[in-house]
């Protein structure tokens, strides 16, 4: 078995270090060789790239900007009337990703607008999201980048987030029809919204597994957090064709290092699990 590899999600890890370059250094000292930077925009991208290079870290994922957080925005991809702002945010994300050498951008869907009902807005928001995703896919294809969609549960984490289940995300990806857009599946959110974890993994893994260009086979599966969901890590390992023991290095990463990106070899490729708190 090839050695497991880890990537630190620096939105969650090393909170005692407020400066992002310091978190990159801390991640390297902790043994990580890759990192996610969900929110890099307060920092000069060249400075972050320099810090990552000095630390020997590959940068594997960033998010699109959230929008106006003071107004409660959390992504703009599906928000009607914010198409221009989404495109501006995408351009900024691509600019950062190019400097950072990062091949993936999470295209955040955003929240159902305050004062409206989810059911009443569903069709308009989906239409907006499909339009924006097609635009984003074309832009990302020019840079050999991949866009990711991540469903987030509306029962606990964010009641107004638009994209809530892998079923919804898969249907939208099918409508968009672009090969460089893939699913980023968070096991926690999936279990909260639907359960039936084994079948969902088998059903949606093709949407996660394909389409990765630069770091071949790097997947987007997430498990929350190690101690509480230890059994799920073993389950995921078995579903992916690995023995439960393969998940042991994942479960060993607890406490301040509970958000990690773990890869498992399968069928001569690399399967990944992302575990974040």
C-alpha atoms as a PDB file:
ATOM      1  CA  UNK A   1       0.000   0.000   0.000  1.00  0.00           C
ATOM      2  CA  UNK A   2       1.290   3.442  -0.910  1.00  0.00           C
ATOM      3  CA  UNK A   3       1.850   5.844   2.011  1.00  0.00           C
ATOM      4  CA  UNK A   4      -1.200   7.824   3.134  1.00  0.00           C
ATOM      5  CA  UNK A   5      -1.070  11.525   2.360  1.00  0.00           C
ATOM      6  CA  UNK A   6      -2.718  14.309   4.321  1.00  0.00           C
ATOM      7  CA  UNK A   7      -3.853  17.833   3.515  1.00  0.00           C
ATOM      8  CA  UNK A   8      -4.706  20.279   6.276  1.00  0.00           C
ATOM      9  CA  UNK A   9      -7.856  22.375   5.978  1.00  0.00           C
ATOM     10  CA  UNK A  10      -6.511  25.670   7.288  1.00  0.00           C
ATOM     11  CA  UNK A  11      -9.929  27.162   7.889  1.00  0.00           C
ATOM     12  CA  UNK A  12     -10.188  24.687  10.772  1.00  0.00           C
ATOM     13  CA  UNK A  13      -6.692  23.777  11.835  1.00  0.00           C
ATOM     14  CA  UNK A  14      -4.163  25.720  13.899  1.00  0.00           C
ATOM     15  CA  UNK A  15      -6.642  28.428  15.026  1.00  0.00           C
ATOM     16  CA  UNK A  16      -4.099  29.551  17.614  1.00  0.00           C
ATOM     17  CA  UNK A  17      -2.144  31.015  14.672  1.00  0.00           C
ATOM     18  CA  UNK A  18      -4.243  33.830  13.133  1.00  0.00           C
ATOM     19  CA  UNK A  19      -1.843  34.480  10.242  1.00  0.00           C
ATOM     20  CA  UNK A  20      -2.394  32.141   7.307  1.00  0.00           C
ATOM     21  CA  UNK A  21       1.315  31.924   6.384  1.00  0.00           C
ATOM     22  CA  UNK A  22       1.974  30.792   9.961  1.00  0.00           C
ATOM     23  CA  UNK A  23      -0.704  28.123   9.620  1.00  0.00           C
ATOM     24  CA  UNK A  24       1.031  26.846   6.483  1.00  0.00           C
ATOM     25  CA  UNK A  25       4.275  26.592   8.414  1.00  0.00           C
ATOM     26  CA  UNK A  26       2.502  24.872  11.310  1.00  0.00           C
ATOM     27  CA  UNK A  27       0.878  22.379   8.946  1.00  0.00           C
ATOM     28  CA  UNK A  28       4.258  21.467   7.492  1.00  0.00           C
ATOM     29  CA  UNK A  29       5.753  21.057  10.954  1.00  0.00           C
ATOM     30  CA  UNK A  30       2.873  18.741  11.840  1.00  0.00           C
ATOM     31  CA  UNK A  31       3.799  16.522   8.917  1.00  0.00           C
ATOM     32  CA  UNK A  32       1.311  17.630   6.284  1.00  0.00           C
ATOM     33  CA  UNK A  33       2.397  17.955   2.661  1.00  0.00           C
ATOM     34  CA  UNK A  34      -0.723  19.609   1.265  1.00  0.00           C
ATOM     35  CA  UNK A  35      -3.308  22.133   2.416  1.00  0.00           C
ATOM     36  CA  UNK A  36      -6.698  23.608   1.628  1.00  0.00           C
ATOM     37  CA  UNK A  37      -7.091  27.388   1.864  1.00  0.00           C
ATOM     38  CA  UNK A  38     -10.859  27.933   1.800  1.00  0.00           C
ATOM     39  CA  UNK A  39     -10.586  31.673   2.497  1.00  0.00           C
ATOM     40  CA  UNK A  40      -7.290  33.049   1.172  1.00  0.00           C
ATOM     41  CA  UNK A  41      -8.501  36.456   0.036  1.00  0.00           C
ATOM     42  CA  UNK A  42      -7.264  38.562   2.928  1.00  0.00           C
ATOM     43  CA  UNK A  43      -3.718  37.672   1.902  1.00  0.00           C
ATOM     44  CA  UNK A  44      -1.533  38.390  -1.114  1.00  0.00           C
ATOM     45  CA  UNK A  45      -1.526  35.193  -3.216  1.00  0.00           C
ATOM     46  CA  UNK A  46       2.189  35.498  -3.971  1.00  0.00           C
ATOM     47  CA  UNK A  47       2.913  35.707  -0.237  1.00  0.00           C
ATOM     48  CA  UNK A  48       0.843  32.568   0.388  1.00  0.00           C
ATOM     49  CA  UNK A  49       2.515  30.727  -2.470  1.00  0.00           C
ATOM     50  CA  UNK A  50       5.920  31.676  -1.119  1.00  0.00           C
ATOM     51  CA  UNK A  51       4.985  30.463   2.348  1.00  0.00           C
ATOM     52  CA  UNK A  52       3.642  27.195   0.922  1.00  0.00           C
ATOM     53  CA  UNK A  53       6.740  26.646  -1.191  1.00  0.00           C
ATOM     54  CA  UNK A  54       9.061  27.275   1.740  1.00  0.00           C
ATOM     55  CA  UNK A  55       7.006  24.834   3.800  1.00  0.00           C
ATOM     56  CA  UNK A  56       6.967  22.238   1.036  1.00  0.00           C
ATOM     57  CA  UNK A  57       3.146  22.232   0.833  1.00  0.00           C
ATOM     58  CA  UNK A  58       0.962  21.706  -2.231  1.00  0.00           C
ATOM     59  CA  UNK A  59      -2.187  23.851  -2.202  1.00  0.00           C
ATOM     60  CA  UNK A  60      -5.086  21.676  -3.361  1.00  0.00           C
ATOM     61  CA  UNK A  61      -8.354  23.611  -2.886  1.00  0.00           C
ATOM     62  CA  UNK A  62      -9.769  27.106  -2.415  1.00  0.00           C
ATOM     63  CA  UNK A  63     -13.355  28.393  -2.288  1.00  0.00           C
ATOM     64  CA  UNK A  64     -14.915  31.145  -4.329  1.00  0.00           C
ATOM     65  CA  UNK A  65     -15.424  34.328  -2.269  1.00  0.00           C
ATOM     66  CA  UNK A  66     -18.522  34.178  -0.034  1.00  0.00           C
ATOM     67  CA  UNK A  67     -19.977  37.523  -1.103  1.00  0.00           C
ATOM     68  CA  UNK A  68     -21.156  40.111   1.400  1.00  0.00           C
ATOM     69  CA  UNK A  69     -20.833  38.300   4.713  1.00  0.00           C
ATOM     70  CA  UNK A  70     -22.221  41.289   6.616  1.00  0.00           C
ATOM     71  CA  UNK A  71     -25.482  40.640   4.753  1.00  0.00           C
ATOM     72  CA  UNK A  72     -25.363  36.923   5.483  1.00  0.00           C
ATOM     73  CA  UNK A  73     -24.098  35.735   2.111  1.00  0.00           C
ATOM     74  CA  UNK A  74     -22.234  32.425   1.914  1.00  0.00           C
ATOM     75  CA  UNK A  75     -21.459  32.023  -1.760  1.00  0.00           C
ATOM     76  CA  UNK A  76     -23.229  33.468  -4.792  1.00  0.00           C
ATOM     77  CA  UNK A  77     -23.503  30.672  -7.349  1.00  0.00           C
ATOM     78  CA  UNK A  78     -27.241  30.101  -7.011  1.00  0.00           C
ATOM     79  CA  UNK A  79     -28.332  33.536  -5.786  1.00  0.00           C
ATOM     80  CA  UNK A  80     -30.604  35.342  -8.305  1.00  0.00           C
ATOM     81  CA  UNK A  81     -29.526  38.853  -9.161  1.00  0.00           C
ATOM     82  CA  UNK A  82     -25.935  38.272  -8.037  1.00  0.00           C
ATOM     83  CA  UNK A  83     -24.601  36.816 -11.290  1.00  0.00           C
ATOM     84  CA  UNK A  84     -22.235  39.722 -11.927  1.00  0.00           C
ATOM     85  CA  UNK A  85     -20.817  39.466  -8.414  1.00  0.00           C
ATOM     86  CA  UNK A  86     -20.396  35.706  -8.850  1.00  0.00           C
ATOM     87  CA  UNK A  87     -18.385  36.243 -12.031  1.00  0.00           C
ATOM     88  CA  UNK A  88     -16.207  38.844 -10.321  1.00  0.00           C
ATOM     89  CA  UNK A  89     -15.617  36.445  -7.437  1.00  0.00           C
ATOM     90  CA  UNK A  90     -14.812  33.613  -9.818  1.00  0.00           C
ATOM     91  CA  UNK A  91     -12.268  35.776 -11.624  1.00  0.00           C
ATOM     92  CA  UNK A  92     -10.621  36.553  -8.293  1.00  0.00           C
ATOM     93  CA  UNK A  93     -10.618  32.876  -7.316  1.00  0.00           C
ATOM     94  CA  UNK A  94      -9.015  31.887 -10.625  1.00  0.00           C
ATOM     95  CA  UNK A  95      -6.392  34.612 -10.194  1.00  0.00           C
ATOM     96  CA  UNK A  96      -5.541  33.260  -6.751  1.00  0.00           C
ATOM     97  CA  UNK A  97      -5.595  29.636  -7.873  1.00  0.00           C
ATOM     98  CA  UNK A  98      -3.168  30.361 -10.718  1.00  0.00           C
ATOM     99  CA  UNK A  99      -0.679  32.040  -8.396  1.00  0.00           C
ATOM    100  CA  UNK A 100      -1.132  29.355  -5.741  1.00  0.00           C
ATOM    101  CA  UNK A 101      -0.814  26.498  -8.226  1.00  0.00           C
ATOM    102  CA  UNK A 102      -4.151  25.191  -6.960  1.00  0.00           C
ATOM    103  CA  UNK A 103      -6.123  22.990  -9.407  1.00  0.00           C
ATOM    104  CA  UNK A 104      -9.538  23.047  -7.683  1.00  0.00           C
ATOM    105  CA  UNK A 105     -12.066  25.703  -6.752  1.00  0.00           C
ATOM    106  CA  UNK A 106     -15.158  25.025  -4.656  1.00  0.00           C
ATOM    107  CA  UNK A 107     -17.976  26.951  -6.366  1.00  0.00           C
ATOM    108  CA  UNK A 108     -20.112  27.935  -3.394  1.00  0.00           C
ATOM    109  CA  UNK A 109     -23.860  27.837  -4.059  1.00  0.00           C
ATOM    110  CA  UNK A 110     -24.991  30.330  -1.456  1.00  0.00           C
ATOM    111  CA  UNK A 111     -28.077  30.745   0.692  1.00  0.00           C
ATOM    112  CA  UNK A 112     -31.772  31.125  -0.013  1.00  0.00           C
ATOM    113  CA  UNK A 113     -32.317  34.920   0.215  1.00  0.00           C
ATOM    114  CA  UNK A 114     -33.649  36.213   3.514  1.00  0.00           C
ATOM    115  CA  UNK A 115     -37.377  36.892   3.376  1.00  0.00           C
ATOM    116  CA  UNK A 116     -38.062  34.163   0.813  1.00  0.00           C
ATOM    117  CA  UNK A 117     -39.038  30.498   1.079  1.00  0.00           C
ATOM    118  CA  UNK A 118     -36.887  27.666  -0.231  1.00  0.00           C
ATOM    119  CA  UNK A 119     -39.730  26.020  -2.164  1.00  0.00           C
ATOM    120  CA  UNK A 120     -40.731  29.259  -3.853  1.00  0.00           C
ATOM    121  CA  UNK A 121     -37.131  30.043  -4.862  1.00  0.00           C
ATOM    122  CA  UNK A 122     -36.015  26.522  -5.817  1.00  0.00           C
ATOM    123  CA  UNK A 123     -36.534  26.725  -9.587  1.00  0.00           C
ATOM    124  CA  UNK A 124     -35.113  30.236  -9.978  1.00  0.00           C
ATOM    125  CA  UNK A 125     -32.073  29.403  -7.850  1.00  0.00           C
ATOM    126  CA  UNK A 126     -31.387  26.185  -9.737  1.00  0.00           C
ATOM    127  CA  UNK A 127     -31.659  28.018 -13.064  1.00  0.00           C
ATOM    128  CA  UNK A 128     -29.235  30.667 -11.795  1.00  0.00           C
ATOM    129  CA  UNK A 129     -26.832  28.024 -10.510  1.00  0.00           C
ATOM    130  CA  UNK A 130     -26.831  26.090 -13.779  1.00  0.00           C
ATOM    131  CA  UNK A 131     -26.166  29.301 -15.710  1.00  0.00           C
ATOM    132  CA  UNK A 132     -23.323  30.314 -13.422  1.00  0.00           C
ATOM    133  CA  UNK A 133     -21.806  26.829 -13.386  1.00  0.00           C
ATOM    134  CA  UNK A 134     -21.696  26.648 -17.173  1.00  0.00           C
ATOM    135  CA  UNK A 135     -19.944  29.978 -17.235  1.00  0.00           C
ATOM    136  CA  UNK A 136     -17.536  28.872 -14.510  1.00  0.00           C
ATOM    137  CA  UNK A 137     -16.787  25.556 -16.208  1.00  0.00           C
ATOM    138  CA  UNK A 138     -15.777  27.326 -19.412  1.00  0.00           C
ATOM    139  CA  UNK A 139     -13.495  29.709 -17.521  1.00  0.00           C
ATOM    140  CA  UNK A 140     -11.941  26.908 -15.465  1.00  0.00           C
ATOM    141  CA  UNK A 141     -11.398  24.737 -18.543  1.00  0.00           C
ATOM    142  CA  UNK A 142      -9.187  27.449 -20.020  1.00  0.00           C
ATOM    143  CA  UNK A 143      -6.936  27.113 -16.956  1.00  0.00           C
ATOM    144  CA  UNK A 144      -7.110  23.299 -16.695  1.00  0.00           C
ATOM    145  CA  UNK A 145      -8.918  23.608 -13.355  1.00  0.00           C
ATOM    146  CA  UNK A 146     -11.778  21.676 -11.767  1.00  0.00           C
ATOM    147  CA  UNK A 147     -14.842  23.186 -10.096  1.00  0.00           C
ATOM    148  CA  UNK A 148     -16.386  21.410  -7.112  1.00  0.00           C
ATOM    149  CA  UNK A 149     -19.922  21.466  -5.710  1.00  0.00           C
ATOM    150  CA  UNK A 150     -20.356  20.687  -2.021  1.00  0.00           C
ATOM    151  CA  UNK A 151     -23.817  20.010  -0.568  1.00  0.00           C
ATOM    152  CA  UNK A 152     -24.273  21.231   2.999  1.00  0.00           C
ATOM    153  CA  UNK A 153     -26.962  19.982   5.364  1.00  0.00           C
ATOM    154  CA  UNK A 154     -29.828  22.352   6.187  1.00  0.00           C
ATOM    155  CA  UNK A 155     -30.905  20.565   9.364  1.00  0.00           C
ATOM    156  CA  UNK A 156     -27.968  21.470  11.591  1.00  0.00           C
ATOM    157  CA  UNK A 157     -25.253  23.448   9.829  1.00  0.00           C
ATOM    158  CA  UNK A 158     -26.987  26.014   7.619  1.00  0.00           C
ATOM    159  CA  UNK A 159     -30.801  26.032   7.310  1.00  0.00           C
ATOM    160  CA  UNK A 160     -30.757  28.398   4.329  1.00  0.00           C
ATOM    161  CA  UNK A 161     -27.962  26.903   2.226  1.00  0.00           C
ATOM    162  CA  UNK A 162     -29.320  26.099  -1.242  1.00  0.00           C
ATOM    163  CA  UNK A 163     -27.341  22.961  -2.134  1.00  0.00           C
ATOM    164  CA  UNK A 164     -28.215  20.401   0.532  1.00  0.00           C
ATOM    165  CA  UNK A 165     -27.933  16.830  -0.822  1.00  0.00           C
ATOM    166  CA  UNK A 166     -25.754  14.834  -3.223  1.00  0.00           C
ATOM    167  CA  UNK A 167     -28.937  13.965  -5.140  1.00  0.00           C
ATOM    168  CA  UNK A 168     -29.576  17.648  -5.796  1.00  0.00           C
ATOM    169  CA  UNK A 169     -25.938  18.265  -6.720  1.00  0.00           C
ATOM    170  CA  UNK A 170     -25.859  15.271  -9.084  1.00  0.00           C
ATOM    171  CA  UNK A 171     -28.995  16.472 -10.865  1.00  0.00           C
ATOM    172  CA  UNK A 172     -27.516  19.941 -11.301  1.00  0.00           C
ATOM    173  CA  UNK A 173     -24.206  18.536 -12.567  1.00  0.00           C
ATOM    174  CA  UNK A 174     -26.128  16.498 -15.124  1.00  0.00           C
ATOM    175  CA  UNK A 175     -27.984  19.586 -16.334  1.00  0.00           C
ATOM    176  CA  UNK A 176     -24.763  21.594 -16.562  1.00  0.00           C
ATOM    177  CA  UNK A 177     -23.037  18.812 -18.481  1.00  0.00           C
ATOM    178  CA  UNK A 178     -19.419  19.891 -18.067  1.00  0.00           C
ATOM    179  CA  UNK A 179     -16.712  17.286 -17.375  1.00  0.00           C
ATOM    180  CA  UNK A 180     -14.563  19.602 -15.265  1.00  0.00           C
ATOM    181  CA  UNK A 181     -17.273  20.079 -12.623  1.00  0.00           C
ATOM    182  CA  UNK A 182     -17.375  17.401  -9.938  1.00  0.00           C
ATOM    183  CA  UNK A 183     -18.953  16.570  -6.585  1.00  0.00           C
ATOM    184  CA  UNK A 184     -17.245  17.273  -3.265  1.00  0.00           C
ATOM    185  CA  UNK A 185     -19.041  14.934  -0.873  1.00  0.00           C
ATOM    186  CA  UNK A 186     -19.015  15.603   2.849  1.00  0.00           C
ATOM    187  CA  UNK A 187     -19.957  12.411   4.679  1.00  0.00           C
ATOM    188  CA  UNK A 188     -21.302  14.321   7.674  1.00  0.00           C
ATOM    189  CA  UNK A 189     -23.698  16.423   5.602  1.00  0.00           C
ATOM    190  CA  UNK A 190     -24.713  13.401   3.529  1.00  0.00           C
ATOM    191  CA  UNK A 191     -25.516  11.320   6.613  1.00  0.00           C
ATOM    192  CA  UNK A 192     -27.481  14.118   8.274  1.00  0.00           C
ATOM    193  CA  UNK A 193     -29.663  14.740   5.210  1.00  0.00           C
ATOM    194  CA  UNK A 194     -30.210  11.239   3.915  1.00  0.00           C
ATOM    195  CA  UNK A 195     -28.444   8.426   5.775  1.00  0.00           C
ATOM    196  CA  UNK A 196     -28.024   5.277   3.659  1.00  0.00           C
ATOM    197  CA  UNK A 197     -24.333   6.081   3.544  1.00  0.00           C
ATOM    198  CA  UNK A 198     -23.081   2.904   1.908  1.00  0.00           C
ATOM    199  CA  UNK A 199     -25.419   3.127  -1.067  1.00  0.00           C
ATOM    200  CA  UNK A 200     -24.872   6.857  -1.456  1.00  0.00           C
ATOM    201  CA  UNK A 201     -21.115   6.339  -1.601  1.00  0.00           C
ATOM    202  CA  UNK A 202     -21.523   3.669  -4.249  1.00  0.00           C
ATOM    203  CA  UNK A 203     -23.972   5.811  -6.215  1.00  0.00           C
ATOM    204  CA  UNK A 204     -22.079   9.080  -6.208  1.00  0.00           C
ATOM    205  CA  UNK A 205     -18.473   7.978  -6.160  1.00  0.00           C
ATOM    206  CA  UNK A 206     -18.192   8.213  -9.978  1.00  0.00           C
ATOM    207  CA  UNK A 207     -18.996  11.922  -9.714  1.00  0.00           C
ATOM    208  CA  UNK A 208     -16.229  12.333  -7.138  1.00  0.00           C
ATOM    209  CA  UNK A 209     -13.650  10.041  -8.674  1.00  0.00           C
ATOM    210  CA  UNK A 210     -13.400  11.335 -12.222  1.00  0.00           C
ATOM    211  CA  UNK A 211     -12.188  14.565 -13.716  1.00  0.00           C
ATOM    212  CA  UNK A 212      -9.097  15.295 -11.640  1.00  0.00           C
ATOM    213  CA  UNK A 213      -6.262  16.445 -13.874  1.00  0.00           C
ATOM    214  CA  UNK A 214      -3.220  17.696 -12.018  1.00  0.00           C
ATOM    215  CA  UNK A 215      -3.189  15.570  -8.875  1.00  0.00           C
ATOM    216  CA  UNK A 216      -4.515  12.437 -10.506  1.00  0.00           C
ATOM    217  CA  UNK A 217      -7.052  10.567  -8.432  1.00  0.00           C
ATOM    218  CA  UNK A 218      -7.358  13.120  -5.610  1.00  0.00           C
ATOM    219  CA  UNK A 219     -10.944  12.828  -4.439  1.00  0.00           C
ATOM    220  CA  UNK A 220     -13.269  14.943  -2.319  1.00  0.00           C
ATOM    221  CA  UNK A 221     -14.840  12.841   0.414  1.00  0.00           C
ATOM    222  CA  UNK A 222     -15.251  14.315   3.876  1.00  0.00           C
ATOM    223  CA  UNK A 223     -15.767  12.724   7.274  1.00  0.00           C
ATOM    224  CA  UNK A 224     -16.493  14.688  10.479  1.00  0.00           C
ATOM    225  CA  UNK A 225     -14.624  14.436  13.140  1.00  0.00           C
ATOM    226  CA  UNK A 226     -12.500  11.408  14.029  1.00  0.00           C
ATOM    227  CA  UNK A 227     -13.728  10.336  17.454  1.00  0.00           C
ATOM    228  CA  UNK A 228     -17.446  10.800  16.900  1.00  0.00           C
ATOM    229  CA  UNK A 229     -17.490   9.260  13.430  1.00  0.00           C
ATOM    230  CA  UNK A 230     -14.749   6.661  13.740  1.00  0.00           C
ATOM    231  CA  UNK A 231     -17.093   3.929  12.576  1.00  0.00           C
ATOM    232  CA  UNK A 232     -17.895   5.851   9.416  1.00  0.00           C
ATOM    233  CA  UNK A 233     -14.232   6.090   8.499  1.00  0.00           C
ATOM    234  CA  UNK A 234     -14.015   2.311   8.693  1.00  0.00           C
ATOM    235  CA  UNK A 235     -17.231   1.995   6.686  1.00  0.00           C
ATOM    236  CA  UNK A 236     -15.917   4.292   3.975  1.00  0.00           C
ATOM    237  CA  UNK A 237     -12.680   2.319   3.799  1.00  0.00           C
ATOM    238  CA  UNK A 238     -14.635  -0.903   3.314  1.00  0.00           C
ATOM    239  CA  UNK A 239     -16.924   0.614   0.677  1.00  0.00           C
ATOM    240  CA  UNK A 240     -13.853   1.774  -1.241  1.00  0.00           C
ATOM    241  CA  UNK A 241     -12.437  -1.734  -1.124  1.00  0.00           C
ATOM    242  CA  UNK A 242      -9.908  -1.148   1.641  1.00  0.00           C
ATOM    243  CA  UNK A 243      -9.662  -3.034   4.952  1.00  0.00           C
ATOM    244  CA  UNK A 244     -10.805  -1.191   8.064  1.00  0.00           C
ATOM    245  CA  UNK A 245      -7.171  -1.008   9.135  1.00  0.00           C
ATOM    246  CA  UNK A 246      -6.562   1.383   6.256  1.00  0.00           C
ATOM    247  CA  UNK A 247      -8.579   3.984   8.144  1.00  0.00           C
ATOM    248  CA  UNK A 248      -6.451   3.709  11.281  1.00  0.00           C
ATOM    249  CA  UNK A 249      -4.046   6.546  10.333  1.00  0.00           C
ATOM    250  CA  UNK A 250      -7.128   8.735   9.812  1.00  0.00           C
ATOM    251  CA  UNK A 251      -8.537   7.999  13.240  1.00  0.00           C
ATOM    252  CA  UNK A 252      -5.205   8.671  14.903  1.00  0.00           C
ATOM    253  CA  UNK A 253      -5.353  12.327  13.857  1.00  0.00           C
ATOM    254  CA  UNK A 254      -7.408  13.919  16.637  1.00  0.00           C
ATOM    255  CA  UNK A 255      -7.381  16.981  18.843  1.00  0.00           C
ATOM    256  CA  UNK A 256      -5.939  20.031  17.079  1.00  0.00           C
ATOM    257  CA  UNK A 257      -5.320  18.025  13.881  1.00  0.00           C
ATOM    258  CA  UNK A 258      -8.875  16.807  13.316  1.00  0.00           C
ATOM    259  CA  UNK A 259      -9.292  18.235   9.824  1.00  0.00           C
ATOM    260  CA  UNK A 260      -7.281  16.197   7.368  1.00  0.00           C
ATOM    261  CA  UNK A 261      -7.277  15.019   3.779  1.00  0.00           C
ATOM    262  CA  UNK A 262      -6.419  11.318   3.552  1.00  0.00           C
ATOM    263  CA  UNK A 263      -5.722   9.263   0.455  1.00  0.00           C
ATOM    264  CA  UNK A 264      -6.140   5.521   0.055  1.00  0.00           C
ATOM    265  CA  UNK A 265      -4.797   3.573  -2.938  1.00  0.00           C
ATOM    266  CA  UNK A 266      -7.422   1.608  -4.866  1.00  0.00           C
ATOM    267  CA  UNK A 267      -7.406   0.104  -8.354  1.00  0.00           C
ATOM    268  CA  UNK A 268      -3.926   1.555  -8.973  1.00  0.00           C
ATOM    269  CA  UNK A 269      -5.247   5.055  -8.297  1.00  0.00           C
ATOM    270  CA  UNK A 270      -5.548   7.172  -5.150  1.00  0.00           C
ATOM    271  CA  UNK A 271      -8.811   7.421  -3.230  1.00  0.00           C
ATOM    272  CA  UNK A 272      -9.206  10.306  -0.858  1.00  0.00           C
ATOM    273  CA  UNK A 273     -11.101  11.014   2.275  1.00  0.00           C
ATOM    274  CA  UNK A 274     -11.286  14.495   3.656  1.00  0.00           C
ATOM    275  CA  UNK A 275     -12.000  14.706   7.338  1.00  0.00           C
ATOM    276  CA  UNK A 276     -12.693  18.137   8.832  1.00  0.00           C
ATOM    277  CA  UNK A 277     -14.297  19.295  12.020  1.00  0.00           C
END
